[in-house]
Amino acid sequence: MTKHIPNAITCCNLLSGCISIVLMCNGYAVAAGAMIFLAAIFDFFDGFAARLLKAYSPLGAQLDSLSDVVSFGVAPSFIMYHYLNQVVETSLLWRLEIADFNILPFVAFFLAVFAELRLAKFNIDDRQTTSFIGLPTPAMGLFVASLPFTLQNEKLAFMANNILNPYFLIAIVVIFSYLMVSEIPFFSLKIKNLKFKENIRIYILVVFAIVAVIFLGFAAIPFVMLFYILLSLFKVNR
């Protein structure tokens, strides 16, 4: 029975993503983002459980990717669609109509398309055993999921107008879609040993994340994700 525990946890990841979509469809953006965070917790622990129980299987690998498409691809796309639709519905500049229906906000779902491409590439790419080629899909999903928390945070109220801007939101879609399928190496957060030199970027990221979360709560996540991207790019350019 223990071999099914990781798959059961993976299914909880999928369930969280589905609930996030329903919540977003009903206008509960913060709750929808929270369910994506919960999906990320399940996504971490399914791999942890698989390693602990030595319960690896091809089925588990496929379940993991299929669940991630929903939780970190489709669910965040609904959040992005909500905000894009909100900022363009009254704008004459940002209208692309078919039968009096503005289709521009559907650009948000390119996040889901490229997340699926990213995960499909990951499944057949044997180079990604100790690091990632392209931005991991959960990183994109968590960045978008944190936007409702950022907009709600009083300390970051000055950023609201910049976030709720069509240029900014579409730029997020374009940049993150590209990063997911790019050939840019991103470091893995898996620690094989405690040697500082071999894990220096992980330790730096963890310290930054702890400090940011203390001051900003969940609203710190987009800054942590951006810092993770910068740390990965630093290795490429050094």
C-alpha atoms as a PDB file:
ATOM      1  CA  MET A   1       0.000   0.000   0.000  1.00  0.00           C
ATOM      2  CA  THR A   2       2.863   2.396   0.721  1.00  0.00           C
ATOM      3  CA  LYS A   3       3.738   2.587  -2.977  1.00  0.00           C
ATOM      4  CA  HIS A   4       0.440   4.397  -3.604  1.00  0.00           C
ATOM      5  CA  ILE A   5       1.057   7.134  -1.007  1.00  0.00           C
ATOM      6  CA  PRO A   6       3.087   9.431  -3.331  1.00  0.00           C
ATOM      7  CA  ASN A   7       0.430   9.096  -6.060  1.00  0.00           C
ATOM      8  CA  ALA A   8      -2.311   9.937  -3.562  1.00  0.00           C
ATOM      9  CA  ILE A   9      -0.412  13.086  -2.574  1.00  0.00           C
ATOM     10  CA  THR A  10      -0.015  13.971  -6.256  1.00  0.00           C
ATOM     11  CA  CYS A  11      -3.767  13.654  -6.708  1.00  0.00           C
ATOM     12  CA  CYS A  12      -4.212  16.126  -3.838  1.00  0.00           C
ATOM     13  CA  ASN A  13      -2.049  18.507  -5.877  1.00  0.00           C
ATOM     14  CA  LEU A  14      -4.464  18.121  -8.807  1.00  0.00           C
ATOM     15  CA  LEU A  15      -7.515  18.520  -6.565  1.00  0.00           C
ATOM     16  CA  SER A  16      -6.092  21.756  -5.144  1.00  0.00           C
ATOM     17  CA  GLY A  17      -5.598  23.106  -8.661  1.00  0.00           C
ATOM     18  CA  CYS A  18      -9.175  22.238  -9.629  1.00  0.00           C
ATOM     19  CA  ILE A  19     -10.548  23.960  -6.515  1.00  0.00           C
ATOM     20  CA  SER A  20      -8.414  27.011  -7.325  1.00  0.00           C
ATOM     21  CA  ILE A  21     -10.051  27.262 -10.755  1.00  0.00           C
ATOM     22  CA  VAL A  22     -13.561  27.048  -9.271  1.00  0.00           C
ATOM     23  CA  LEU A  23     -12.724  29.689  -6.647  1.00  0.00           C
ATOM     24  CA  MET A  24     -11.339  32.031  -9.296  1.00  0.00           C
ATOM     25  CA  CYS A  25     -14.422  31.561 -11.464  1.00  0.00           C
ATOM     26  CA  ASN A  26     -16.435  32.762  -8.468  1.00  0.00           C
ATOM     27  CA  GLY A  27     -14.240  35.803  -7.922  1.00  0.00           C
ATOM     28  CA  TYR A  28     -12.182  34.621  -4.942  1.00  0.00           C
ATOM     29  CA  ALA A  29      -8.719  35.539  -6.197  1.00  0.00           C
ATOM     30  CA  VAL A  30      -6.873  35.299  -2.871  1.00  0.00           C
ATOM     31  CA  ALA A  31      -8.410  31.919  -2.047  1.00  0.00           C
ATOM     32  CA  ALA A  32      -7.593  30.721  -5.573  1.00  0.00           C
ATOM     33  CA  GLY A  33      -3.966  31.750  -5.082  1.00  0.00           C
ATOM     34  CA  ALA A  34      -3.879  30.022  -1.701  1.00  0.00           C
ATOM     35  CA  MET A  35      -5.016  26.745  -3.280  1.00  0.00           C
ATOM     36  CA  ILE A  36      -2.121  26.955  -5.736  1.00  0.00           C
ATOM     37  CA  PHE A  37       0.236  27.370  -2.793  1.00  0.00           C
ATOM     38  CA  LEU A  38      -1.357  24.291  -1.229  1.00  0.00           C
ATOM     39  CA  ALA A  39      -0.849  22.419  -4.512  1.00  0.00           C
ATOM     40  CA  ALA A  40       2.840  23.370  -4.354  1.00  0.00           C
ATOM     41  CA  ILE A  41       3.081  21.844  -0.867  1.00  0.00           C
ATOM     42  CA  PHE A  42       1.584  18.599  -2.148  1.00  0.00           C
ATOM     43  CA  ASP A  43       3.903  18.766  -5.177  1.00  0.00           C
ATOM     44  CA  PHE A  44       6.901  18.937  -2.843  1.00  0.00           C
ATOM     45  CA  PHE A  45       5.775  16.160  -0.544  1.00  0.00           C
ATOM     46  CA  ASP A  46       4.865  13.669  -3.279  1.00  0.00           C
ATOM     47  CA  GLY A  47       8.480  13.656  -4.416  1.00  0.00           C
ATOM     48  CA  PHE A  48       9.691  13.579  -0.815  1.00  0.00           C
ATOM     49  CA  ALA A  49       7.406  10.611  -0.074  1.00  0.00           C
ATOM     50  CA  ALA A  50       8.526   8.805  -3.226  1.00  0.00           C
ATOM     51  CA  ARG A  51      12.194   9.148  -2.213  1.00  0.00           C
ATOM     52  CA  LEU A  52      11.492   8.201   1.395  1.00  0.00           C
ATOM     53  CA  LEU A  53       9.440   5.112   0.490  1.00  0.00           C
ATOM     54  CA  LYS A  54      11.459   4.296  -2.645  1.00  0.00           C
ATOM     55  CA  ALA A  55       8.153   4.267  -4.497  1.00  0.00           C
ATOM     56  CA  TYR A  56       9.216   5.604  -7.873  1.00  0.00           C
ATOM     57  CA  SER A  57       7.115   4.587 -10.869  1.00  0.00           C
ATOM     58  CA  PRO A  58       6.432   5.716 -14.462  1.00  0.00           C
ATOM     59  CA  LEU A  59       2.803   6.197 -13.426  1.00  0.00           C
ATOM     60  CA  GLY A  60       3.849   8.574 -10.647  1.00  0.00           C
ATOM     61  CA  ALA A  61       5.979  10.622 -13.027  1.00  0.00           C
ATOM     62  CA  GLN A  62       3.084  11.026 -15.462  1.00  0.00           C
ATOM     63  CA  LEU A  63       0.615  11.842 -12.689  1.00  0.00           C
ATOM     64  CA  ASP A  64       2.972  14.507 -11.398  1.00  0.00           C
ATOM     65  CA  SER A  65       3.265  16.254 -14.766  1.00  0.00           C
ATOM     66  CA  LEU A  66      -0.464  16.039 -15.524  1.00  0.00           C
ATOM     67  CA  SER A  67      -1.302  17.469 -12.096  1.00  0.00           C
ATOM     68  CA  ASP A  68       1.234  20.272 -12.534  1.00  0.00           C
ATOM     69  CA  VAL A  69      -0.353  21.288 -15.848  1.00  0.00           C
ATOM     70  CA  VAL A  70      -3.611  21.970 -13.998  1.00  0.00           C
ATOM     71  CA  SER A  71      -2.273  23.387 -10.724  1.00  0.00           C
ATOM     72  CA  PHE A  72       0.608  25.483 -12.081  1.00  0.00           C
ATOM     73  CA  GLY A  73      -0.527  26.058 -15.665  1.00  0.00           C
ATOM     74  CA  VAL A  74      -4.300  26.242 -16.003  1.00  0.00           C
ATOM     75  CA  ALA A  75      -5.160  27.553 -12.501  1.00  0.00           C
ATOM     76  CA  PRO A  76      -2.687  30.490 -12.665  1.00  0.00           C
ATOM     77  CA  SER A  77      -3.983  31.268 -16.166  1.00  0.00           C
ATOM     78  CA  PHE A  78      -7.454  31.798 -14.703  1.00  0.00           C
ATOM     79  CA  ILE A  79      -6.020  34.273 -12.186  1.00  0.00           C
ATOM     80  CA  MET A  80      -4.167  36.100 -14.944  1.00  0.00           C
ATOM     81  CA  TYR A  81      -7.314  36.102 -17.116  1.00  0.00           C
ATOM     82  CA  HIS A  82      -9.277  37.641 -14.224  1.00  0.00           C
ATOM     83  CA  TYR A  83      -6.885  40.561 -13.899  1.00  0.00           C
ATOM     84  CA  LEU A  84      -6.413  41.065 -17.628  1.00  0.00           C
ATOM     85  CA  ASN A  85     -10.172  41.066 -18.161  1.00  0.00           C
ATOM     86  CA  GLN A  86     -10.534  43.524 -15.296  1.00  0.00           C
ATOM     87  CA  VAL A  87      -8.084  46.065 -16.711  1.00  0.00           C
ATOM     88  CA  VAL A  88      -9.034  45.893 -20.395  1.00  0.00           C
ATOM     89  CA  GLU A  89     -12.826  45.673 -20.237  1.00  0.00           C
ATOM     90  CA  THR A  90     -13.199  49.473 -20.063  1.00  0.00           C
ATOM     91  CA  SER A  91     -10.278  50.296 -22.350  1.00  0.00           C
ATOM     92  CA  LEU A  92     -10.761  51.208 -25.979  1.00  0.00           C
ATOM     93  CA  LEU A  93      -7.033  50.773 -26.649  1.00  0.00           C
ATOM     94  CA  TRP A  94      -6.902  47.190 -25.382  1.00  0.00           C
ATOM     95  CA  ARG A  95      -9.815  45.718 -27.318  1.00  0.00           C
ATOM     96  CA  LEU A  96      -9.651  42.882 -29.819  1.00  0.00           C
ATOM     97  CA  GLU A  97     -13.254  42.047 -30.477  1.00  0.00           C
ATOM     98  CA  ILE A  98     -15.024  39.184 -32.186  1.00  0.00           C
ATOM     99  CA  ALA A  99     -18.802  39.630 -32.239  1.00  0.00           C
ATOM    100  CA  ASP A 100     -18.556  42.379 -29.571  1.00  0.00           C
ATOM    101  CA  PHE A 101     -16.547  40.068 -27.324  1.00  0.00           C
ATOM    102  CA  ASN A 102     -13.075  41.135 -26.233  1.00  0.00           C
ATOM    103  CA  ILE A 103     -10.781  38.145 -26.707  1.00  0.00           C
ATOM    104  CA  LEU A 104      -7.548  39.875 -25.620  1.00  0.00           C
ATOM    105  CA  PRO A 105      -7.703  38.608 -21.990  1.00  0.00           C
ATOM    106  CA  PHE A 106      -7.470  35.057 -23.342  1.00  0.00           C
ATOM    107  CA  VAL A 107      -3.778  35.800 -23.876  1.00  0.00           C
ATOM    108  CA  ALA A 108      -3.514  34.701 -20.237  1.00  0.00           C
ATOM    109  CA  PHE A 109      -3.989  31.065 -21.260  1.00  0.00           C
ATOM    110  CA  PHE A 110      -0.692  31.041 -23.120  1.00  0.00           C
ATOM    111  CA  LEU A 111       0.715  30.424 -19.646  1.00  0.00           C
ATOM    112  CA  ALA A 112      -1.139  27.095 -19.597  1.00  0.00           C
ATOM    113  CA  VAL A 113      -0.013  26.238 -23.137  1.00  0.00           C
ATOM    114  CA  PHE A 114       3.660  26.900 -22.429  1.00  0.00           C
ATOM    115  CA  ALA A 115       3.448  25.191 -19.036  1.00  0.00           C
ATOM    116  CA  GLU A 116       2.257  22.060 -20.827  1.00  0.00           C
ATOM    117  CA  LEU A 117       5.095  22.368 -23.361  1.00  0.00           C
ATOM    118  CA  ARG A 118       7.587  22.834 -20.516  1.00  0.00           C
ATOM    119  CA  LEU A 119       6.381  19.729 -18.680  1.00  0.00           C
ATOM    120  CA  ALA A 120       6.292  17.626 -21.847  1.00  0.00           C
ATOM    121  CA  LYS A 121       9.882  18.637 -22.628  1.00  0.00           C
ATOM    122  CA  PHE A 122      10.922  17.824 -19.064  1.00  0.00           C
ATOM    123  CA  ASN A 123       9.513  14.291 -19.340  1.00  0.00           C
ATOM    124  CA  ILE A 124      11.658  13.445 -22.363  1.00  0.00           C
ATOM    125  CA  ASP A 125      14.791  15.477 -21.524  1.00  0.00           C
ATOM    126  CA  ASP A 126      17.444  13.401 -19.733  1.00  0.00           C
ATOM    127  CA  ARG A 127      19.581  16.514 -19.130  1.00  0.00           C
ATOM    128  CA  GLN A 128      17.326  17.697 -16.294  1.00  0.00           C
ATOM    129  CA  THR A 129      18.335  15.272 -13.575  1.00  0.00           C
ATOM    130  CA  THR A 130      20.199  17.680 -11.252  1.00  0.00           C
ATOM    131  CA  SER A 131      19.061  21.060 -12.633  1.00  0.00           C
ATOM    132  CA  PHE A 132      16.393  22.470 -14.934  1.00  0.00           C
ATOM    133  CA  ILE A 133      16.498  23.633 -18.533  1.00  0.00           C
ATOM    134  CA  GLY A 134      13.874  26.358 -18.655  1.00  0.00           C
ATOM    135  CA  LEU A 135      11.943  27.866 -15.747  1.00  0.00           C
ATOM    136  CA  PRO A 136      10.146  25.187 -13.689  1.00  0.00           C
ATOM    137  CA  THR A 137       6.383  25.411 -14.120  1.00  0.00           C
ATOM    138  CA  PRO A 138       5.655  25.677 -10.356  1.00  0.00           C
ATOM    139  CA  ALA A 139       7.843  28.810 -10.188  1.00  0.00           C
ATOM    140  CA  MET A 140       5.656  30.509 -12.787  1.00  0.00           C
ATOM    141  CA  GLY A 141       2.485  29.254 -11.121  1.00  0.00           C
ATOM    142  CA  LEU A 142       3.505  30.529  -7.690  1.00  0.00           C
ATOM    143  CA  PHE A 143       4.487  33.922  -9.116  1.00  0.00           C
ATOM    144  CA  VAL A 144       1.030  34.426 -10.645  1.00  0.00           C
ATOM    145  CA  ALA A 145      -0.728  32.924  -7.611  1.00  0.00           C
ATOM    146  CA  SER A 146       0.950  35.507  -5.390  1.00  0.00           C
ATOM    147  CA  LEU A 147      -0.404  38.503  -7.341  1.00  0.00           C
ATOM    148  CA  PRO A 148      -3.710  38.604  -5.356  1.00  0.00           C
ATOM    149  CA  PHE A 149      -1.709  38.663  -2.112  1.00  0.00           C
ATOM    150  CA  THR A 150       0.543  41.432  -3.443  1.00  0.00           C
ATOM    151  CA  LEU A 151      -2.464  43.543  -4.433  1.00  0.00           C
ATOM    152  CA  GLN A 152      -4.028  43.006  -1.008  1.00  0.00           C
ATOM    153  CA  ASN A 153      -0.884  43.862   0.971  1.00  0.00           C
ATOM    154  CA  GLU A 154      -1.037  47.395   2.391  1.00  0.00           C
ATOM    155  CA  LYS A 155       2.753  47.729   2.368  1.00  0.00           C
ATOM    156  CA  LEU A 156       2.731  47.229  -1.405  1.00  0.00           C
ATOM    157  CA  ALA A 157      -0.347  49.354  -2.165  1.00  0.00           C
ATOM    158  CA  PHE A 158       1.830  51.750  -4.167  1.00  0.00           C
ATOM    159  CA  MET A 159       2.461  48.918  -6.675  1.00  0.00           C
ATOM    160  CA  ALA A 160      -1.209  48.200  -7.414  1.00  0.00           C
ATOM    161  CA  ASN A 161      -1.507  50.568 -10.369  1.00  0.00           C
ATOM    162  CA  ASN A 162       1.668  49.167 -11.891  1.00  0.00           C
ATOM    163  CA  ILE A 163       0.474  45.570 -11.511  1.00  0.00           C
ATOM    164  CA  LEU A 164      -3.045  46.248 -12.783  1.00  0.00           C
ATOM    165  CA  ASN A 165      -1.677  47.498 -16.055  1.00  0.00           C
ATOM    166  CA  PRO A 166      -2.187  45.702 -19.392  1.00  0.00           C
ATOM    167  CA  TYR A 167       1.445  46.226 -20.389  1.00  0.00           C
ATOM    168  CA  PHE A 168       2.706  44.661 -17.158  1.00  0.00           C
ATOM    169  CA  LEU A 169       0.304  41.706 -17.186  1.00  0.00           C
ATOM    170  CA  ILE A 170       0.909  40.856 -20.838  1.00  0.00           C
ATOM    171  CA  ALA A 171       4.660  41.215 -20.266  1.00  0.00           C
ATOM    172  CA  ILE A 172       4.387  38.617 -17.481  1.00  0.00           C
ATOM    173  CA  VAL A 173       2.625  36.223 -19.856  1.00  0.00           C
ATOM    174  CA  VAL A 174       5.194  36.718 -22.623  1.00  0.00           C
ATOM    175  CA  ILE A 175       8.314  36.616 -20.425  1.00  0.00           C
ATOM    176  CA  PHE A 176       7.295  33.637 -18.311  1.00  0.00           C
ATOM    177  CA  SER A 177       6.037  31.707 -21.350  1.00  0.00           C
ATOM    178  CA  TYR A 178       9.432  32.201 -22.974  1.00  0.00           C
ATOM    179  CA  LEU A 179      11.406  31.313 -19.834  1.00  0.00           C
ATOM    180  CA  MET A 180       9.545  28.018 -19.389  1.00  0.00           C
ATOM    181  CA  VAL A 181      10.561  26.681 -22.810  1.00  0.00           C
ATOM    182  CA  SER A 182      13.943  28.410 -23.035  1.00  0.00           C
ATOM    183  CA  GLU A 183      17.319  26.674 -22.884  1.00  0.00           C
ATOM    184  CA  ILE A 184      18.347  28.759 -19.869  1.00  0.00           C
ATOM    185  CA  PRO A 185      19.617  26.583 -16.972  1.00  0.00           C
ATOM    186  CA  PHE A 186      17.861  27.038 -13.614  1.00  0.00           C
ATOM    187  CA  PHE A 187      19.258  25.476 -10.473  1.00  0.00           C
ATOM    188  CA  SER A 188      17.330  22.835  -8.560  1.00  0.00           C
ATOM    189  CA  LEU A 189      16.340  23.333  -4.916  1.00  0.00           C
ATOM    190  CA  LYS A 190      17.196  19.727  -4.041  1.00  0.00           C
ATOM    191  CA  ILE A 191      20.053  19.524  -1.533  1.00  0.00           C
ATOM    192  CA  LYS A 192      22.196  16.390  -1.809  1.00  0.00           C
ATOM    193  CA  ASN A 193      24.619  17.461   0.930  1.00  0.00           C
ATOM    194  CA  LEU A 194      25.114  20.388   3.321  1.00  0.00           C
ATOM    195  CA  LYS A 195      28.312  21.731   1.777  1.00  0.00           C
ATOM    196  CA  PHE A 196      28.020  25.514   1.582  1.00  0.00           C
ATOM    197  CA  LYS A 197      30.061  25.910  -1.597  1.00  0.00           C
ATOM    198  CA  GLU A 198      27.927  23.431  -3.551  1.00  0.00           C
ATOM    199  CA  ASN A 199      24.628  24.904  -2.327  1.00  0.00           C
ATOM    200  CA  ILE A 200      25.506  28.578  -1.954  1.00  0.00           C
ATOM    201  CA  ARG A 201      22.717  29.829  -4.222  1.00  0.00           C
ATOM    202  CA  ILE A 202      20.128  27.711  -2.417  1.00  0.00           C
ATOM    203  CA  TYR A 203      21.232  29.100   0.952  1.00  0.00           C
ATOM    204  CA  ILE A 204      21.156  32.669  -0.389  1.00  0.00           C
ATOM    205  CA  LEU A 205      17.680  32.121  -1.802  1.00  0.00           C
ATOM    206  CA  VAL A 206      16.403  30.598   1.455  1.00  0.00           C
ATOM    207  CA  VAL A 207      17.717  33.507   3.540  1.00  0.00           C
ATOM    208  CA  PHE A 208      16.212  36.028   1.124  1.00  0.00           C
ATOM    209  CA  ALA A 209      12.881  34.163   1.143  1.00  0.00           C
ATOM    210  CA  ILE A 210      12.714  34.000   4.948  1.00  0.00           C
ATOM    211  CA  VAL A 211      13.413  37.731   5.335  1.00  0.00           C
ATOM    212  CA  ALA A 212      10.957  38.646   2.569  1.00  0.00           C
ATOM    213  CA  VAL A 213       8.167  36.463   3.974  1.00  0.00           C
ATOM    214  CA  ILE A 214       8.660  37.901   7.467  1.00  0.00           C
ATOM    215  CA  PHE A 215       8.063  41.400   6.121  1.00  0.00           C
ATOM    216  CA  LEU A 216       5.547  40.736   3.335  1.00  0.00           C
ATOM    217  CA  GLY A 217       3.936  37.327   3.932  1.00  0.00           C
ATOM    218  CA  PHE A 218       2.683  35.587   0.790  1.00  0.00           C
ATOM    219  CA  ALA A 219       3.138  38.871  -1.084  1.00  0.00           C
ATOM    220  CA  ALA A 220       6.883  38.186  -0.944  1.00  0.00           C
ATOM    221  CA  ILE A 221       6.590  35.241  -3.352  1.00  0.00           C
ATOM    222  CA  PRO A 222       6.904  37.221  -6.620  1.00  0.00           C
ATOM    223  CA  PHE A 223      10.077  38.840  -5.301  1.00  0.00           C
ATOM    224  CA  VAL A 224      11.438  35.436  -4.260  1.00  0.00           C
ATOM    225  CA  MET A 225      10.657  34.004  -7.714  1.00  0.00           C
ATOM    226  CA  LEU A 226      12.359  36.947  -9.437  1.00  0.00           C
ATOM    227  CA  PHE A 227      15.379  36.536  -7.153  1.00  0.00           C
ATOM    228  CA  TYR A 228      15.499  32.824  -8.042  1.00  0.00           C
ATOM    229  CA  ILE A 229      15.558  33.722 -11.738  1.00  0.00           C
ATOM    230  CA  LEU A 230      18.347  36.263 -11.199  1.00  0.00           C
ATOM    231  CA  LEU A 231      20.426  33.774  -9.203  1.00  0.00           C
ATOM    232  CA  SER A 232      20.047  31.230 -12.017  1.00  0.00           C
ATOM    233  CA  LEU A 233      21.046  33.772 -14.657  1.00  0.00           C
ATOM    234  CA  PHE A 234      24.049  34.748 -12.555  1.00  0.00           C
ATOM    235  CA  LYS A 235      25.508  31.275 -12.993  1.00  0.00           C
ATOM    236  CA  VAL A 236      25.078  31.522 -16.780  1.00  0.00           C
ATOM    237  CA  ASN A 237      26.880  34.830 -17.007  1.00  0.00           C
ATOM    238  CA  ARG A 238      29.686  34.430 -14.523  1.00  0.00           C
END
